[in-house]
């Protein structure tokens, strides 16, 4: 009975090795492509989630009525400011960023706080602030009480997440609800909600910059209390570590009304003439003139952002 020759066995071995190597290469390429598609999908979902959350927030802005702001020195309802204690970002390479980024704070991370009628996005675990207890904030229930705002206050913030292999800082973009706490009847302070109530909008952020368009200027910081102070548009530039970039421009829709119940703020609600606005919006409650709230007597707890007369330190 005949068998294979040595040459035939060697030829079959070489051919089989080539086939196996080709298959391994194909499977490796498919695995890399699958990983890249997964990252791309996650980044696309992050971009969509961020866009929708920002769009909804800026369509739910609640400002103070002009009369209330004039008579009571209402606290700002929209605050765009630089985060001083964080590392600076490295601007991306696209041309528009090099042209538009100006000023000493052009690379500084920002915080965009606002008062909204409804949350722009809910916690993925379904946690609601209504069930929050003071103990979760590290506060004594005998010394503090939770205020009950009519509108909600929250902020888009950046959280450091390390650095890339080239040394660029990496960030996480969050929507962070703010909790109103009263140490006395006269004072109100805001503290960030516990991490369980924060909503992660985007991971792997390399560049995030807000700009507002107000009186024909692009501003990297801005404060608004009434509709007259609101910017015409808000621009957001975003770059992720995967290389995905976005540049969005949002319009603002607004309503005016108190941030807290009139009996809590010591102001009675009465009808008033609607305030005009160049941006547009609707009137959902107007606060009548009243006495200026008493001076805060209790020192603010550590880490709290006080809500007091306009011009006070935040």
Protein backbone atom coordinates (compact mmCIF):
# COMPACT_ATOMS: atom_id res chain seq x y z
CA UNK A 1 0.00 0.00 0.00
CA UNK A 2 1.46 3.32 -1.12
CA UNK A 3 1.96 6.37 1.16
CA UNK A 4 2.80 10.05 0.89
CA UNK A 5 6.24 11.11 -0.03
CA UNK A 6 8.26 13.53 2.07
CA UNK A 7 7.83 16.26 -0.54
CA UNK A 8 4.04 15.85 -0.50
CA UNK A 9 3.91 16.00 3.30
CA UNK A 10 6.08 19.14 3.39
CA UNK A 11 3.98 20.79 0.67
CA UNK A 12 0.74 20.00 2.51
CA UNK A 13 2.23 21.34 5.76
CA UNK A 14 3.26 24.62 4.12
CA UNK A 15 -0.12 25.05 2.43
CA UNK A 16 -1.97 24.24 5.64
CA UNK A 17 0.17 26.71 7.60
CA UNK A 18 -0.61 29.44 5.08
CA UNK A 19 -4.34 28.73 5.30
CA UNK A 20 -4.27 28.77 9.13
CA UNK A 21 -2.22 32.00 9.17
CA UNK A 22 -4.65 33.61 6.75
CA UNK A 23 -7.62 32.57 8.90
CA UNK A 24 -5.93 33.90 12.05
CA UNK A 25 -5.20 37.21 10.31
CA UNK A 26 -8.80 37.49 9.15
CA UNK A 27 -10.18 36.74 12.61
CA UNK A 28 -7.74 39.24 14.20
CA UNK A 29 -8.79 41.93 11.73
CA UNK A 30 -12.46 41.20 12.41
CA UNK A 31 -11.83 41.36 16.16
CA UNK A 32 -10.08 44.74 15.83
CA UNK A 33 -12.88 46.03 13.64
CA UNK A 34 -15.47 44.79 16.12
CA UNK A 35 -13.66 46.58 18.96
CA UNK A 36 -13.42 49.77 16.93
CA UNK A 37 -17.10 49.58 16.02
CA UNK A 38 -17.99 49.07 19.69
CA UNK A 39 -15.95 52.11 20.72
CA UNK A 40 -17.47 54.11 17.88
CA UNK A 41 -20.95 53.05 18.91
CA UNK A 42 -20.33 54.02 22.56
CA UNK A 43 -18.93 57.39 21.53
CA UNK A 44 -21.86 57.99 19.17
CA UNK A 45 -24.29 57.25 21.99
CA UNK A 46 -22.33 59.59 24.29
CA UNK A 47 -22.55 62.35 21.71
CA UNK A 48 -26.27 61.84 21.22
CA UNK A 49 -26.91 61.70 24.97
CA UNK A 50 -24.94 64.91 25.50
CA UNK A 51 -26.68 66.72 22.67
CA UNK A 52 -30.17 65.79 23.87
CA UNK A 53 -29.42 66.62 27.52
CA UNK A 54 -28.00 70.06 26.68
CA UNK A 55 -30.81 70.79 24.22
CA UNK A 56 -33.49 69.88 26.77
CA UNK A 57 -31.81 71.84 29.56
CA UNK A 58 -31.54 75.01 27.48
CA UNK A 59 -35.21 74.70 26.49
CA UNK A 60 -36.29 74.55 30.15
CA UNK A 61 -34.47 77.59 31.58
CA UNK A 62 -36.34 79.34 34.41
CA UNK A 63 -35.36 82.98 34.92
CA UNK A 64 -36.42 85.50 37.52
CA UNK A 65 -39.00 88.10 36.58
CA UNK A 66 -37.57 91.53 35.92
CA UNK A 67 -39.56 93.07 38.77
CA UNK A 68 -38.46 90.43 41.26
CA UNK A 69 -34.84 90.68 40.18
CA UNK A 70 -34.89 94.46 40.52
CA UNK A 71 -36.62 94.56 43.90
CA UNK A 72 -35.17 91.46 45.55
CA UNK A 73 -31.69 91.07 44.08
CA UNK A 74 -32.46 87.55 42.85
CA UNK A 75 -29.62 85.07 42.52
CA UNK A 76 -28.44 84.30 38.94
CA UNK A 77 -30.32 81.50 37.22
CA UNK A 78 -27.65 80.70 34.61
CA UNK A 79 -23.94 80.78 35.40
CA UNK A 80 -21.11 79.84 33.04
CA UNK A 81 -17.77 80.00 34.83
CA UNK A 82 -14.26 78.54 34.80
CA UNK A 83 -13.27 75.72 37.15
CA UNK A 84 -10.12 77.14 38.73
CA UNK A 85 -8.90 74.05 40.55
CA UNK A 86 -8.66 71.76 37.52
CA UNK A 87 -5.86 71.20 35.01
CA UNK A 88 -6.03 73.06 31.72
CA UNK A 89 -7.17 71.37 28.55
CA UNK A 90 -5.20 71.20 25.33
CA UNK A 91 -7.14 72.79 22.45
CA UNK A 92 -7.98 70.45 19.57
CA UNK A 93 -6.47 70.82 16.15
CA UNK A 94 -9.42 72.01 14.12
CA UNK A 95 -9.19 75.48 12.65
CA UNK A 96 -12.31 76.97 14.25
CA UNK A 97 -11.00 76.30 17.77
CA UNK A 98 -7.72 78.09 17.08
CA UNK A 99 -9.58 81.07 15.71
CA UNK A 100 -12.35 81.36 18.29
CA UNK A 101 -10.60 80.41 21.52
CA UNK A 102 -9.40 83.68 23.04
CA UNK A 103 -8.51 85.00 26.47
CA UNK A 104 -6.51 83.76 29.41
CA UNK A 105 -9.17 81.18 30.34
CA UNK A 106 -9.56 79.66 26.90
CA UNK A 107 -8.14 76.28 28.02
CA UNK A 108 -9.73 76.21 31.48
CA UNK A 109 -12.46 73.61 32.16
CA UNK A 110 -15.87 75.18 32.68
CA UNK A 111 -18.96 74.67 34.81
CA UNK A 112 -22.37 75.48 33.34
CA UNK A 113 -25.01 75.82 36.07
CA UNK A 114 -28.66 76.62 35.40
CA UNK A 115 -32.16 76.51 36.86
CA UNK A 116 -34.53 74.37 34.79
CA UNK A 117 -38.20 73.47 34.94
CA UNK A 118 -37.52 69.72 34.55
CA UNK A 119 -34.41 67.56 34.64
CA UNK A 120 -32.89 67.23 31.15
CA UNK A 121 -31.96 63.59 31.84
CA UNK A 122 -32.80 61.14 34.59
CA UNK A 123 -30.45 58.86 36.49
CA UNK A 124 -30.04 55.57 34.62
CA UNK A 125 -30.79 53.69 37.84
CA UNK A 126 -34.07 55.54 38.29
CA UNK A 127 -32.96 57.30 41.49
CA UNK A 128 -35.11 60.34 42.20
CA UNK A 129 -34.10 63.28 44.37
CA UNK A 130 -37.45 63.09 46.13
CA UNK A 131 -36.20 60.11 48.09
CA UNK A 132 -32.92 61.72 49.10
CA UNK A 133 -32.18 61.92 52.81
CA UNK A 134 -29.97 64.44 54.60
CA UNK A 135 -27.83 61.61 55.93
CA UNK A 136 -26.76 60.86 52.34
CA UNK A 137 -25.31 64.38 52.21
CA UNK A 138 -23.48 63.94 55.50
CA UNK A 139 -25.78 66.44 57.25
CA UNK A 140 -27.52 66.32 60.62
CA UNK A 141 -31.34 66.27 60.17
CA UNK A 142 -31.68 68.19 63.44
CA UNK A 143 -29.60 71.09 62.10
CA UNK A 144 -30.65 71.13 58.43
CA UNK A 145 -33.76 70.70 56.35
CA UNK A 146 -34.30 70.08 52.65
CA UNK A 147 -35.77 73.05 50.79
CA UNK A 148 -38.51 72.39 48.25
CA UNK A 149 -37.76 74.37 45.09
CA UNK A 150 -40.33 74.94 42.40
CA UNK A 151 -37.62 74.70 39.76
CA UNK A 152 -34.52 72.50 39.75
CA UNK A 153 -30.90 73.62 39.76
CA UNK A 154 -28.14 71.53 38.18
CA UNK A 155 -24.86 71.86 36.31
CA UNK A 156 -22.87 70.37 33.49
CA UNK A 157 -19.47 69.65 35.03
CA UNK A 158 -16.22 67.91 34.11
CA UNK A 159 -14.60 65.23 36.26
CA UNK A 160 -10.91 64.30 35.78
CA UNK A 161 -10.34 60.70 34.62
CA UNK A 162 -6.56 60.47 34.13
CA UNK A 163 -4.40 61.14 31.06
CA UNK A 164 -3.78 59.70 27.63
CA UNK A 165 -0.48 58.07 26.62
CA UNK A 166 0.58 61.45 25.20
CA UNK A 167 -0.18 63.27 28.45
CA UNK A 168 -3.48 64.95 27.53
CA UNK A 169 -5.96 65.10 30.44
CA UNK A 170 -9.07 62.95 30.07
CA UNK A 171 -12.41 64.04 31.50
CA UNK A 172 -15.92 62.77 32.09
CA UNK A 173 -18.87 65.08 31.35
CA UNK A 174 -21.64 64.88 33.95
CA UNK A 175 -25.06 66.34 34.65
CA UNK A 176 -24.92 67.07 38.39
CA UNK A 177 -28.15 67.90 40.26
CA UNK A 178 -27.85 70.46 43.05
CA UNK A 179 -29.65 69.96 46.37
CA UNK A 180 -31.14 72.95 48.21
CA UNK A 181 -30.54 72.80 51.97
CA UNK A 182 -31.66 75.20 54.70
CA UNK A 183 -29.60 75.50 57.92
CA UNK A 184 -31.99 78.31 58.99
CA UNK A 185 -35.24 79.75 57.72
CA UNK A 186 -33.42 82.66 56.07
CA UNK A 187 -30.55 80.87 54.35
CA UNK A 188 -30.42 78.47 51.41
CA UNK A 189 -27.33 76.60 50.28
CA UNK A 190 -26.77 74.29 47.36
CA UNK A 191 -24.63 71.18 47.51
CA UNK A 192 -23.98 68.65 44.72
CA UNK A 193 -26.09 65.51 44.84
CA UNK A 194 -24.32 62.25 45.76
CA UNK A 195 -22.57 60.44 42.89
CA UNK A 196 -25.45 57.95 42.63
CA UNK A 197 -27.69 60.76 41.38
CA UNK A 198 -25.23 62.12 38.80
CA UNK A 199 -25.68 61.19 35.15
CA UNK A 200 -22.64 60.47 33.01
CA UNK A 201 -23.12 62.03 29.58
CA UNK A 202 -19.77 61.31 27.92
CA UNK A 203 -16.59 59.43 28.76
CA UNK A 204 -13.10 60.04 27.39
CA UNK A 205 -13.54 63.79 26.87
CA UNK A 206 -10.40 65.59 25.72
CA UNK A 207 -11.92 68.98 24.98
CA UNK A 208 -15.17 70.58 26.14
CA UNK A 209 -15.77 74.26 25.72
CA UNK A 210 -18.92 76.34 26.20
CA UNK A 211 -19.43 79.73 24.60
CA UNK A 212 -22.42 82.04 24.86
CA UNK A 213 -23.40 84.69 22.33
CA UNK A 214 -24.46 87.86 24.15
CA UNK A 215 -24.67 91.36 22.68
CA UNK A 216 -22.66 90.36 19.57
CA UNK A 217 -19.85 88.83 21.63
CA UNK A 218 -18.64 85.29 22.24
CA UNK A 219 -18.10 84.84 25.97
CA UNK A 220 -16.45 82.04 27.94
CA UNK A 221 -18.17 83.14 31.16
CA UNK A 222 -21.57 84.70 31.69
CA UNK A 223 -24.27 85.26 34.31
CA UNK A 224 -28.00 85.63 33.65
CA UNK A 225 -30.83 86.36 36.07
CA UNK A 226 -33.68 87.65 33.90
CA UNK A 227 -34.61 87.17 30.27
CA UNK A 228 -32.74 90.38 29.43
CA UNK A 229 -29.50 88.71 30.51
CA UNK A 230 -29.96 85.49 28.55
CA UNK A 231 -27.61 84.85 25.63
CA UNK A 232 -29.00 84.48 22.15
CA UNK A 233 -27.25 81.14 21.56
CA UNK A 234 -25.01 78.66 23.34
CA UNK A 235 -22.21 76.82 21.54
CA UNK A 236 -20.63 73.58 22.73
CA UNK A 237 -17.44 72.07 21.28
CA UNK A 238 -16.65 68.50 22.24
CA UNK A 239 -13.79 66.14 21.39
CA UNK A 240 -13.48 62.52 22.56
CA UNK A 241 -10.37 60.40 22.93
CA UNK A 242 -11.45 58.27 19.94
CA UNK A 243 -11.13 61.33 17.70
CA UNK A 244 -14.87 61.99 17.37
CA UNK A 245 -15.64 65.71 17.40
CA UNK A 246 -18.77 67.85 17.51
CA UNK A 247 -19.61 71.53 17.40
CA UNK A 248 -23.23 72.33 18.29
CA UNK A 249 -25.15 75.57 18.60
CA UNK A 250 -28.29 75.68 20.76
CA UNK A 251 -31.15 78.14 21.02
CA UNK A 252 -32.58 79.02 24.43
CA UNK A 253 -36.24 78.76 25.46
CA UNK A 254 -37.29 80.18 28.80
CA UNK A 255 -40.04 80.78 31.29
CA UNK A 256 -39.94 82.99 34.35
CA UNK A 257 -40.97 82.31 37.92
CA UNK A 258 -39.64 81.80 41.45
CA UNK A 259 -37.07 79.16 42.23
CA UNK A 260 -38.75 78.43 45.58
CA UNK A 261 -42.30 78.57 46.82
CA UNK A 262 -43.35 82.17 47.59
CA UNK A 263 -44.00 81.37 51.26
CA UNK A 264 -40.47 79.93 51.54
CA UNK A 265 -38.84 82.99 50.05
CA UNK A 266 -41.07 85.44 51.90
CA UNK A 267 -42.54 86.81 48.65
CA UNK A 268 -46.18 86.70 47.66
CA UNK A 269 -47.04 85.73 44.10
CA UNK A 270 -49.31 88.18 42.28
CA UNK A 271 -50.13 88.70 38.60
CA UNK A 272 -47.84 90.97 36.68
CA UNK A 273 -47.29 92.13 33.14
CA UNK A 274 -45.34 89.61 31.02
CA UNK A 275 -41.70 90.39 30.48
CA UNK A 276 -40.65 90.77 26.89
CA UNK A 277 -37.75 88.78 25.52
CA UNK A 278 -35.72 88.70 22.34
CA UNK A 279 -35.18 84.97 22.61
CA UNK A 280 -38.76 83.94 23.24
CA UNK A 281 -40.47 81.94 25.93
CA UNK A 282 -43.54 81.85 28.11
CA UNK A 283 -44.49 83.29 31.48
CA UNK A 284 -45.22 80.57 34.05
CA UNK A 285 -45.50 82.57 37.25
CA UNK A 286 -44.41 86.08 38.15
CA UNK A 287 -43.17 87.14 41.57
CA UNK A 288 -44.35 90.49 42.87
CA UNK A 289 -42.03 92.96 44.60
CA UNK A 290 -41.28 92.21 48.24
CA UNK A 291 -38.82 92.80 51.00
CA UNK A 292 -35.19 91.88 50.53
CA UNK A 293 -34.55 88.55 52.30
CA UNK A 294 -32.82 88.90 55.69
CA UNK A 295 -29.06 88.75 55.83
CA UNK A 296 -27.73 85.22 56.21
CA UNK A 297 -26.81 84.66 59.86
CA UNK A 298 -25.50 81.10 59.73
CA UNK A 299 -22.00 80.59 58.23
CA UNK A 300 -22.19 78.37 55.14
CA UNK A 301 -21.17 74.74 55.71
CA UNK A 302 -17.92 73.67 54.10
CA UNK A 303 -18.30 72.83 50.42
CA UNK A 304 -21.67 74.55 50.01
CA UNK A 305 -22.46 77.22 47.43
CA UNK A 306 -24.56 79.93 49.09
CA UNK A 307 -27.59 81.45 47.43
CA UNK A 308 -27.86 85.02 48.59
CA UNK A 309 -28.15 88.57 47.25
CA UNK A 310 -26.67 89.29 43.84
CA UNK A 311 -22.99 90.02 44.01
CA UNK A 312 -22.35 87.71 46.96
CA UNK A 313 -19.56 85.16 46.70
CA UNK A 314 -20.55 81.80 45.30
